[in-house]
Structures are given as structure tokens and as C-alpha cells.
Protein backbone atom coordinates (compact mmCIF):
# COMPACT_ATOMS: atom_id res chain seq x y z
CA VAL A 1 -53.00 -13.78 26.55
CA ASP A 2 -51.29 -10.34 25.12
CA THR A 3 -49.33 -8.09 27.31
CA GLY A 4 -52.46 -5.64 27.71
CA GLY A 5 -54.44 -8.40 30.00
CA ASP A 6 -56.73 -9.76 26.76
CA ALA A 7 -57.21 -13.18 25.95
CA VAL A 8 -58.28 -15.98 23.37
CA PHE A 9 -59.23 -19.34 24.24
CA ALA A 10 -59.77 -22.57 22.33
CA TRP A 11 -61.25 -26.30 23.40
CA ARG A 12 -63.12 -29.53 21.51
CA ARG A 13 -66.37 -29.41 21.57
CA ALA A 14 -68.79 -32.75 21.01
CA ASP A 15 -70.58 -30.97 17.64
CA HIS A 16 -72.79 -33.93 16.83
CA PRO A 17 -71.89 -37.99 17.63
CA GLY A 18 -68.36 -38.71 17.10
CA VAL A 19 -67.70 -35.08 15.32
CA ASP A 20 -66.20 -32.80 17.86
CA VAL A 21 -65.08 -29.37 16.62
CA ILE A 22 -62.97 -26.41 18.21
CA GLN A 23 -64.18 -23.87 18.90
CA ALA A 24 -62.68 -20.08 20.46
CA ARG A 25 -63.56 -17.19 22.21
CA GLU A 26 -61.68 -13.75 22.75
CA GLN A 27 -62.03 -12.03 26.21
CA THR A 28 -61.08 -8.48 26.72
CA ALA A 29 -58.60 -7.81 29.91
CA ALA A 30 -61.85 -6.22 31.58
CA GLY A 31 -63.73 -9.43 31.23
CA ALA A 32 -66.02 -9.29 28.08
CA LEU A 33 -66.51 -11.98 25.97
CA PHE A 34 -66.67 -11.62 22.10
CA ALA A 35 -69.25 -14.00 20.47
CA VAL A 36 -67.49 -18.22 20.22
CA GLN A 37 -66.23 -18.63 16.90
CA THR A 38 -66.22 -22.74 15.80
CA LEU A 39 -62.68 -22.62 13.76
CA SER A 40 -62.71 -26.15 12.24
CA ASP A 41 -64.59 -28.25 10.25
CA ALA A 42 -68.50 -29.17 10.90
CA GLU A 43 -68.68 -32.40 9.31
CA ARG A 44 -64.87 -33.63 10.85
CA ASN A 45 -63.21 -34.94 13.72
CA ALA A 46 -60.93 -32.68 15.02
CA SER A 47 -59.16 -32.33 18.96
CA SER A 48 -55.60 -30.63 20.22
CA PRO A 49 -56.80 -27.37 19.65
CA GLN A 50 -53.91 -25.01 20.68
CA VAL A 51 -53.51 -21.18 21.35
CA ALA A 52 -50.13 -18.37 21.08
CA VAL A 53 -51.08 -14.89 21.90
CA GLY A 54 -48.22 -12.01 20.46
CA ALA A 55 -48.00 -9.24 21.97
CA GLY A 56 -50.10 -7.37 20.62
CA GLY A 57 -52.93 -9.12 20.35
CA ASP A 58 -52.97 -11.43 17.02
CA ALA A 59 -54.03 -14.69 17.79
CA ALA A 60 -52.82 -17.88 16.49
CA SER A 61 -54.94 -21.27 17.14
CA THR A 62 -53.81 -24.72 15.49
CA TRP A 63 -55.86 -28.12 16.11
CA THR A 64 -54.99 -31.61 13.74
CA ARG A 65 -58.57 -32.89 12.21
CA PHE A 66 -59.37 -36.14 10.54
CA ASP A 67 -60.08 -35.89 6.51
CA GLY A 68 -61.54 -39.88 6.80
CA ALA A 69 -58.04 -41.46 6.37
CA ASN A 70 -55.74 -39.04 8.40
CA TRP A 71 -54.64 -36.68 10.93
CA ARG A 72 -53.98 -33.18 9.37
CA VAL A 73 -52.65 -30.48 11.42
CA GLN A 74 -54.94 -26.81 10.45
CA ALA A 75 -54.46 -23.87 11.54
CA ALA A 76 -56.20 -20.08 11.95
CA ILE A 77 -55.21 -16.65 12.00
CA GLY A 78 -56.80 -14.15 13.76
CA PRO A 79 -59.33 -12.96 16.58
């Protein structure tokens, strides 16, 4: 949550059997919701989403993604 009360949420969702994706959504301080965005690759299993929001409202999201052999850390910057 930024200093103005705007927030970003991230979660893991089952996309299809054996594959979970990371999604995020913004909410304004007034309660308005923006569209859900899928952050991770829809073809690779992902987990452990984390979000940090700066005072100015910029968000950074991280998660882990399985590449078929190893778990990798990935990130996205922005709303």
C-alpha cells in the first residue's frame, strides 16, 4: 500500500492442471479495482508471489517459476 492508500495485490492461481500462474491487481484508495494481470508465463508453474509498493505507488512483484529443471526467481516492475 502506498502513502495515498492505493494498493497492489498478488496471488497464485491454478491456470490448468499442474500449472499455477501469478496474477496481480491494483486497487485505488477509493476502492476501484483495475483489471487482473497475469505476471508469470502461462506455460510454466509459478509460486511464492511477493509485492512491494513504494511511497509514490510504483510496485515491484517477484515470484518463483519452474523452468522444467530448476526454480528461478522472476520479477515485474510497474502497476
